[in-house]
Amino acid sequence: MQFTLSEIATSLGTDVLGNGDIVLSGAAEPADARADQLALAMNPKYADGIIKGAARAALLWDGADWRALGLEGAICLNRGKAAMPLLTRALDPGLGIAPGIHPSAVVDETAVLGEGVAIGPLAVIGAGVTLGTRAQVGAHVSIGYGTVIGDDVVLHPGARIAHLCTIGARFVAQSNAVVGGDGFSFVTLDKESAVESLRSGMAEGDQRASVQGSAHWARVHSLGGVTIGDDVELGASSTIDRGTIRDTRIGRGTKIDCQVQVGHNAEVGEDVMMCGNVGVSGSARIGDRVVLGGKVGVSDNIFIGDDVIAGGGTNIYTNVPAGRAVLGSPAVKIETEMAIRRELRRLPRLAETLRELQKTVSKLVDKD
């Protein structure tokens, strides 16, 4: 794919400076950029890199002296990072799937496919599936029966969409992502499990809560599905379990990183950001615009309010009110956790002081 600098400027809604006819085949960091690549230098600290590289054109910070940098053309923006989604979308070559249905793909005769779909090798589309217009379905993707998927979706090779799920427009699933696997739900039939016994005892304040119980597990089958709103992205090897009776729900605009687990019956709001290794337990409810850093754990049956930010490694065991920033295990206000960490660093010194005091007291007692 090739673009002129003017075409890129138009896609960003701004003007080009200098020669707009420069033909570009991609983008690169300033020092590594070739003559046919757009150097990305949205901060003055990258100026030296432009001089070292071979770029003829660059995306620069507002007010940059592009001529002094030896460039033939430039695009200058007040907030270059905000241009990255549009720029990278314009330059992205995509999955490279040929339009139409690959001969090796298996598409059930009852499936309804929108115009302009591209279905790759060995993909399997089940009975009664509805697939929107311009959908891109990579190699080895499978879509279970009765699932409805909106327009302009991109399913990378190996993604798995189970049966009876509902997914909105512009959904992206990276390789090996799974939507609609069975929830991890088991009960014991003859008597309560050790976990139930322990929980009930602790809830009643019994410090001697029993850990005795049955260990013969019976599966609770997942009869619900998964409902996903528009503009949701799901990272590689991430999973969203289907609900037990009602659907697991993911709100519009939510972005989920790689190796994230969303348990059965969970409800995730709009524009939520979940970073790598996040685990959301079953029946948890997460509000809108929540940000969960890497390795955050969310306990089952709790509620996280709108606009909460949880730092990496946080374990959330109880409800979190809206607008709070939390950190630590268990999660506390971020300023409280930082104070705790400061005191933890002092513990070795305090322990040494305590030992010295013990020695002093022992000597005084021996003298008496």
Protein backbone atom coordinates (compact mmCIF):
# COMPACT_ATOMS: atom_id res chain seq x y z
CA MET A 1 0.00 0.00 0.00
CA GLN A 2 1.20 3.48 -0.85
CA PHE A 3 -0.01 6.92 0.17
CA THR A 4 1.00 10.47 -0.53
CA LEU A 5 1.75 12.84 2.31
CA SER A 6 -1.25 14.93 1.27
CA GLU A 7 -3.56 11.92 1.54
CA ILE A 8 -2.32 11.24 5.07
CA ALA A 9 -2.84 14.89 6.03
CA THR A 10 -6.39 14.75 4.65
CA SER A 11 -7.14 11.61 6.67
CA LEU A 12 -5.94 13.47 9.78
CA GLY A 13 -8.06 16.52 8.98
CA THR A 14 -5.12 18.90 8.70
CA ASP A 15 -2.90 20.61 6.11
CA VAL A 16 0.36 19.39 4.66
CA LEU A 17 3.49 21.53 4.84
CA GLY A 18 5.89 21.43 1.90
CA ASN A 19 5.73 18.74 -0.76
CA GLY A 20 2.50 16.79 -0.40
CA ASP A 21 3.25 14.51 -3.34
CA ILE A 22 5.85 12.45 -1.49
CA VAL A 23 4.86 8.79 -1.83
CA LEU A 24 5.03 6.77 1.39
CA SER A 25 4.68 3.04 2.03
CA GLY A 26 4.60 3.07 5.83
CA ALA A 27 5.75 4.72 9.05
CA ALA A 28 8.84 4.30 11.22
CA GLU A 29 10.67 5.73 14.19
CA PRO A 30 12.73 8.78 13.17
CA ALA A 31 16.22 7.29 13.24
CA ASP A 32 15.10 4.15 11.40
CA ALA A 33 12.92 5.79 8.75
CA ARG A 34 13.68 5.21 5.09
CA ALA A 35 13.01 7.74 2.34
CA ASP A 36 9.62 6.10 1.62
CA GLN A 37 8.50 6.07 5.27
CA LEU A 38 6.83 8.73 7.39
CA ALA A 39 8.96 9.48 10.46
CA LEU A 40 6.88 9.72 13.64
CA ALA A 41 8.37 12.47 15.78
CA MET A 42 5.61 14.13 17.79
CA ASN A 43 8.01 15.45 20.42
CA PRO A 44 11.08 17.72 20.03
CA LYS A 45 13.23 15.10 21.74
CA TYR A 46 13.05 13.06 18.52
CA ALA A 47 14.59 15.81 16.38
CA ASP A 48 18.05 14.22 16.42
CA GLY A 49 16.55 10.97 15.18
CA ILE A 50 15.13 12.70 12.11
CA ILE A 51 18.54 14.08 11.26
CA LYS A 52 20.09 10.61 11.62
CA GLY A 53 17.40 8.91 9.54
CA ALA A 54 16.63 9.14 5.83
CA ALA A 55 13.01 10.33 6.05
CA ARG A 56 11.79 12.91 3.55
CA ALA A 57 8.57 13.55 5.49
CA ALA A 58 7.55 13.41 9.14
CA LEU A 59 4.67 13.79 11.56
CA LEU A 60 5.91 16.53 13.91
CA TRP A 61 4.96 18.53 16.98
CA ASP A 62 3.10 21.80 16.56
CA GLY A 63 5.39 24.65 15.51
CA ALA A 64 8.30 22.44 14.48
CA ASP A 65 10.79 23.92 11.99
CA TRP A 66 10.55 21.09 9.50
CA ARG A 67 12.86 22.71 6.97
CA ALA A 68 15.66 22.96 9.53
CA LEU A 69 15.32 19.21 10.05
CA GLY A 70 16.10 18.59 6.40
CA LEU A 71 12.61 17.45 5.47
CA GLU A 72 10.80 17.97 2.17
CA GLY A 73 7.34 17.85 3.74
CA ALA A 74 5.67 17.55 7.12
CA ILE A 75 2.45 17.36 9.09
CA CYS A 76 2.49 19.32 12.36
CA LEU A 77 -0.07 18.61 15.07
CA ASN A 78 -0.73 20.02 18.52
CA ARG A 79 -1.32 16.55 19.95
CA GLY A 80 0.42 14.00 17.78
CA LYS A 81 -0.63 11.00 19.87
CA ALA A 82 -4.26 11.75 19.12
CA ALA A 83 -3.47 11.29 15.42
CA MET A 84 -2.04 7.80 15.90
CA PRO A 85 -5.37 5.90 15.65
CA LEU A 86 -6.23 7.55 12.34
CA LEU A 87 -2.69 7.35 11.00
CA THR A 88 -2.12 3.71 11.87
CA ARG A 89 -5.53 2.76 10.50
CA ALA A 90 -4.69 4.45 7.21
CA LEU A 91 -1.35 2.63 6.97
CA ASP A 92 -2.49 -0.77 8.27
CA PRO A 93 -2.31 -3.36 5.46
CA GLY A 94 -4.89 -5.55 7.22
CA LEU A 95 -5.12 -9.35 7.28
CA GLY A 96 -4.66 -9.76 3.55
CA ILE A 97 -7.71 -12.01 3.15
CA ALA A 98 -8.99 -12.21 -0.40
CA PRO A 99 -12.60 -11.04 -0.86
CA GLY A 100 -15.17 -13.79 -0.94
CA ILE A 101 -15.10 -17.26 0.60
CA HIS A 102 -11.97 -19.39 0.44
CA PRO A 103 -12.62 -22.81 -1.15
CA SER A 104 -11.52 -24.62 2.01
CA ALA A 105 -13.88 -22.69 4.30
CA VAL A 106 -17.04 -24.42 5.55
CA VAL A 107 -20.08 -22.15 5.54
CA ASP A 108 -23.44 -23.59 6.52
CA GLU A 109 -26.12 -23.03 3.91
CA THR A 110 -28.35 -21.29 6.46
CA ALA A 111 -25.73 -18.66 7.35
CA VAL A 112 -26.45 -15.11 6.20
CA LEU A 113 -23.39 -13.24 5.01
CA GLY A 114 -23.31 -9.50 4.34
CA GLU A 115 -21.85 -7.88 1.27
CA GLY A 116 -18.10 -7.65 0.91
CA VAL A 117 -17.19 -10.37 3.43
CA ALA A 118 -13.80 -12.05 3.25
CA ILE A 119 -13.54 -15.54 4.75
CA GLY A 120 -10.11 -17.17 4.96
CA PRO A 121 -8.90 -20.77 4.67
CA LEU A 122 -10.43 -23.47 6.87
CA ALA A 123 -12.82 -21.07 8.61
CA VAL A 124 -16.09 -22.62 9.84
CA ILE A 125 -19.36 -20.65 9.89
CA GLY A 126 -22.17 -22.49 11.68
CA ALA A 127 -25.88 -22.83 11.06
CA GLY A 128 -27.99 -19.69 11.33
CA VAL A 129 -25.02 -17.38 11.74
CA THR A 130 -25.50 -13.76 10.65
CA LEU A 131 -22.31 -11.99 9.61
CA GLY A 132 -22.39 -8.29 8.75
CA THR A 133 -21.02 -6.46 5.75
CA ARG A 134 -17.28 -6.23 5.07
CA ALA A 135 -16.46 -8.75 7.80
CA GLN A 136 -12.95 -10.20 7.70
CA VAL A 137 -12.72 -13.76 8.99
CA GLY A 138 -9.19 -15.14 9.24
CA ALA A 139 -7.93 -18.67 8.74
CA HIS A 140 -9.18 -21.34 11.17
CA VAL A 141 -11.77 -19.01 12.73
CA SER A 142 -14.94 -20.72 13.92
CA ILE A 143 -18.34 -19.13 14.58
CA GLY A 144 -20.96 -21.25 16.35
CA TYR A 145 -24.59 -21.66 15.38
CA GLY A 146 -27.07 -18.84 15.84
CA THR A 147 -24.46 -16.16 16.54
CA VAL A 148 -25.11 -12.67 15.17
CA ILE A 149 -22.13 -10.41 14.36
CA GLY A 150 -22.28 -6.83 13.08
CA ASP A 151 -20.57 -4.95 10.26
CA ASP A 152 -16.84 -4.38 9.73
CA VAL A 153 -15.63 -6.99 12.21
CA VAL A 154 -12.11 -8.39 12.07
CA LEU A 155 -11.55 -11.90 13.39
CA HIS A 156 -7.87 -12.79 13.37
CA PRO A 157 -6.70 -16.33 12.59
CA GLY A 158 -7.72 -18.87 15.19
CA ALA A 159 -10.33 -16.74 16.98
CA ARG A 160 -13.29 -18.70 18.34
CA ILE A 161 -16.82 -17.34 18.62
CA ALA A 162 -19.20 -19.83 20.23
CA HIS A 163 -22.90 -20.36 19.55
CA LEU A 164 -25.77 -17.98 20.35
CA CYS A 165 -23.65 -14.89 20.96
CA THR A 166 -24.52 -11.35 19.88
CA ILE A 167 -21.67 -9.07 18.83
CA GLY A 168 -21.88 -5.50 17.57
CA ALA A 169 -20.18 -3.66 14.74
CA ARG A 170 -16.42 -3.15 14.35
CA PHE A 171 -15.55 -5.92 16.77
CA VAL A 172 -11.92 -7.07 16.69
CA ALA A 173 -10.81 -10.44 18.09
CA GLN A 174 -7.10 -11.25 18.02
CA SER A 175 -5.77 -14.76 17.47
CA ASN A 176 -6.90 -17.47 19.90
CA ALA A 177 -9.43 -15.21 21.62
CA VAL A 178 -12.55 -17.10 22.71
CA VAL A 179 -16.02 -15.64 23.10
CA GLY A 180 -18.72 -17.78 24.67
CA GLY A 181 -16.89 -20.69 26.26
CA ASP A 182 -18.72 -22.39 29.12
CA GLY A 183 -18.51 -20.66 32.48
CA PHE A 184 -16.51 -22.23 35.30
CA SER A 185 -19.52 -23.14 37.42
CA PHE A 186 -19.75 -26.27 39.57
CA VAL A 187 -21.69 -27.31 42.68
CA THR A 188 -21.64 -30.28 45.04
CA LEU A 189 -24.78 -32.40 45.18
CA ASP A 190 -24.66 -34.39 48.40
CA LYS A 191 -23.64 -31.60 50.78
CA GLU A 192 -22.09 -28.15 50.68
CA SER A 193 -18.52 -27.88 49.51
CA ALA A 194 -15.60 -26.90 51.71
CA VAL A 195 -15.63 -23.47 50.07
CA GLU A 196 -19.31 -22.90 50.90
CA SER A 197 -18.74 -24.07 54.45
CA LEU A 198 -15.77 -21.78 54.89
CA ARG A 199 -17.57 -18.79 53.41
CA SER A 200 -20.69 -19.22 55.51
CA GLY A 201 -18.63 -19.66 58.67
CA MET A 202 -16.57 -16.55 58.00
CA ALA A 203 -19.68 -14.52 57.19
CA GLU A 204 -21.09 -15.46 60.59
CA GLY A 205 -17.88 -14.52 62.35
CA ASP A 206 -16.93 -18.11 63.14
CA GLN A 207 -13.15 -18.13 63.44
CA ARG A 208 -13.22 -21.93 63.34
CA ALA A 209 -14.99 -22.08 60.00
CA SER A 210 -15.07 -25.63 58.72
CA VAL A 211 -12.99 -26.64 55.74
CA GLN A 212 -14.66 -30.05 55.57
CA GLY A 213 -17.04 -30.71 52.71
CA SER A 214 -17.88 -32.63 49.59
CA ALA A 215 -15.50 -32.59 46.66
CA HIS A 216 -17.74 -34.31 44.08
CA TRP A 217 -18.32 -31.51 41.61
CA ALA A 218 -21.27 -31.37 39.18
CA ARG A 219 -21.20 -28.93 36.26
CA VAL A 220 -23.78 -26.17 36.00
CA HIS A 221 -24.30 -25.88 32.26
CA SER A 222 -24.11 -22.44 30.67
CA LEU A 223 -27.46 -21.65 29.05
CA GLY A 224 -26.82 -17.94 28.52
CA GLY A 225 -24.68 -16.38 25.84
CA VAL A 226 -22.43 -13.35 25.47
CA THR A 227 -23.60 -9.92 24.35
CA ILE A 228 -20.93 -7.50 23.14
CA GLY A 229 -21.53 -3.89 22.10
CA ASP A 230 -20.07 -1.96 19.17
CA ASP A 231 -16.37 -1.07 18.87
CA VAL A 232 -15.10 -3.69 21.32
CA GLU A 233 -11.65 -5.27 20.93
CA LEU A 234 -10.49 -8.55 22.44
CA GLY A 235 -6.80 -9.39 22.73
CA ALA A 236 -4.98 -12.59 21.86
CA SER A 237 -5.77 -15.61 24.08
CA SER A 238 -8.38 -13.69 26.07
CA THR A 239 -11.68 -15.29 26.99
CA ILE A 240 -15.21 -14.16 27.74
CA ASP A 241 -17.31 -16.92 29.29
CA ARG A 242 -20.99 -17.26 28.46
CA GLY A 243 -23.56 -16.71 31.19
CA THR A 244 -25.27 -19.39 33.23
CA ILE A 245 -28.83 -18.21 32.55
CA ARG A 246 -28.48 -14.58 31.41
CA ASP A 247 -25.80 -13.30 29.07
CA THR A 248 -22.36 -12.10 30.05
CA ARG A 249 -22.25 -8.49 28.82
CA ILE A 250 -19.45 -6.28 27.49
CA GLY A 251 -20.34 -2.63 26.86
CA ARG A 252 -19.68 -0.49 23.81
CA GLY A 253 -16.14 0.69 23.24
CA THR A 254 -14.47 -1.57 25.79
CA LYS A 255 -10.89 -2.66 25.02
CA ILE A 256 -9.54 -5.92 26.42
CA ASP A 257 -5.83 -6.79 26.28
CA CYS A 258 -4.20 -10.20 25.84
CA GLN A 259 -4.69 -13.10 28.29
CA VAL A 260 -7.65 -11.55 30.08
CA GLN A 261 -10.40 -13.68 31.62
CA VAL A 262 -13.97 -12.41 32.02
CA GLY A 263 -16.07 -14.87 33.99
CA HIS A 264 -19.66 -15.98 33.49
CA ASN A 265 -22.48 -13.50 34.18
CA ALA A 266 -20.05 -10.59 34.50
CA GLU A 267 -21.29 -7.19 33.36
CA VAL A 268 -18.68 -4.81 31.97
CA GLY A 269 -19.63 -1.22 31.15
CA GLU A 270 -18.74 1.07 28.27
CA ASP A 271 -15.23 2.30 27.35
CA VAL A 272 -13.59 0.06 29.94
CA MET A 273 -9.87 -0.68 29.55
CA MET A 274 -8.54 -4.04 30.79
CA CYS A 275 -4.79 -4.60 30.53
CA GLY A 276 -2.98 -7.94 30.25
CA ASN A 277 -3.67 -10.76 32.72
CA VAL A 278 -6.72 -9.12 34.26
CA GLY A 279 -9.11 -11.63 35.80
CA VAL A 280 -12.78 -10.73 36.35
CA SER A 281 -14.66 -13.32 38.37
CA GLY A 282 -18.19 -14.44 37.71
CA SER A 283 -21.11 -12.06 38.33
CA ALA A 284 -18.83 -9.07 38.96
CA ARG A 285 -20.22 -5.75 37.71
CA ILE A 286 -17.90 -3.10 36.33
CA GLY A 287 -19.04 0.44 35.54
CA ASP A 288 -18.19 2.72 32.63
CA ARG A 289 -14.71 4.08 31.83
CA VAL A 290 -13.01 1.83 34.39
CA VAL A 291 -9.30 1.15 33.85
CA LEU A 292 -7.85 -2.10 35.23
CA GLY A 293 -4.05 -2.30 35.05
CA GLY A 294 -2.10 -5.46 34.36
CA LYS A 295 -2.74 -8.48 36.60
CA VAL A 296 -5.68 -6.86 38.39
CA GLY A 297 -7.99 -9.42 39.99
CA VAL A 298 -11.68 -8.75 40.57
CA SER A 299 -13.56 -10.95 43.02
CA ASP A 300 -16.97 -12.42 42.22
CA ASN A 301 -20.29 -10.69 42.91
CA ILE A 302 -18.82 -7.25 43.63
CA PHE A 303 -19.42 -3.88 41.99
CA ILE A 304 -16.83 -1.42 40.67
CA GLY A 305 -18.21 2.06 40.07
CA ASP A 306 -17.72 4.32 37.06
CA ASP A 307 -14.30 5.90 36.39
CA VAL A 308 -12.40 3.70 38.83
CA ILE A 309 -8.69 3.22 38.12
CA ALA A 310 -6.94 0.15 39.54
CA GLY A 311 -3.15 0.04 39.33
CA GLY A 312 -1.26 -3.02 38.18
CA GLY A 313 -1.34 -6.05 40.48
CA THR A 314 -4.32 -4.78 42.49
CA ASN A 315 -6.68 -7.39 43.95
CA ILE A 316 -10.21 -6.08 44.44
CA TYR A 317 -12.22 -8.09 46.96
CA THR A 318 -14.99 -5.62 47.85
CA ASN A 319 -17.08 -2.94 46.15
CA VAL A 320 -15.24 0.17 44.93
CA PRO A 321 -17.11 3.51 44.77
CA ALA A 322 -17.13 5.54 41.58
CA GLY A 323 -14.16 7.73 40.76
CA ARG A 324 -11.68 6.10 43.14
CA ALA A 325 -8.08 5.18 42.28
CA VAL A 326 -6.99 2.00 44.06
CA LEU A 327 -3.83 -0.06 44.41
CA GLY A 328 -2.55 -3.01 46.40
CA SER A 329 -3.79 -6.32 47.74
CA PRO A 330 -6.33 -5.92 49.15
CA ALA A 331 -7.20 -2.80 47.18
CA VAL A 332 -7.09 0.47 49.10
CA LYS A 333 -6.95 4.10 48.04
CA ILE A 334 -3.80 4.64 46.03
CA GLU A 335 -2.43 7.21 48.47
CA THR A 336 -2.96 4.76 51.34
CA GLU A 337 -1.11 2.01 49.48
CA MET A 338 1.80 4.32 48.72
CA ALA A 339 2.03 5.21 52.42
CA ILE A 340 1.98 1.49 53.29
CA ARG A 341 4.82 0.84 50.87
CA ARG A 342 6.88 3.66 52.34
CA GLU A 343 6.49 2.15 55.79
CA LEU A 344 7.31 -1.34 54.52
CA ARG A 345 10.65 -0.07 53.26
CA ARG A 346 11.39 1.15 56.79
CA LEU A 347 10.63 -2.22 58.41
CA PRO A 348 14.20 -3.63 58.29
CA ARG A 349 15.53 -0.54 60.04
CA LEU A 350 12.71 -0.62 62.59
CA ALA A 351 13.35 -4.32 63.23
CA GLU A 352 17.03 -3.62 63.87
CA THR A 353 16.10 -0.79 66.24
CA LEU A 354 13.73 -3.14 68.08
CA ARG A 355 16.44 -5.77 68.47
CA GLU A 356 18.80 -3.17 69.93
CA LEU A 357 16.11 -2.05 72.36
CA GLN A 358 15.51 -5.67 73.39
CA LYS A 359 19.22 -6.10 74.10
CA THR A 360 19.26 -2.89 76.16
CA VAL A 361 16.20 -3.93 78.17
CA SER A 362 17.67 -7.40 78.77
CA LYS A 363 20.89 -5.87 80.14
CA LEU A 364 18.92 -3.57 82.46
CA VAL A 365 16.84 -6.50 83.72
CA ASP A 366 19.98 -8.59 84.33
CA LYS A 367 21.51 -5.78 86.40
CA ASP A 368 18.44 -5.65 88.61
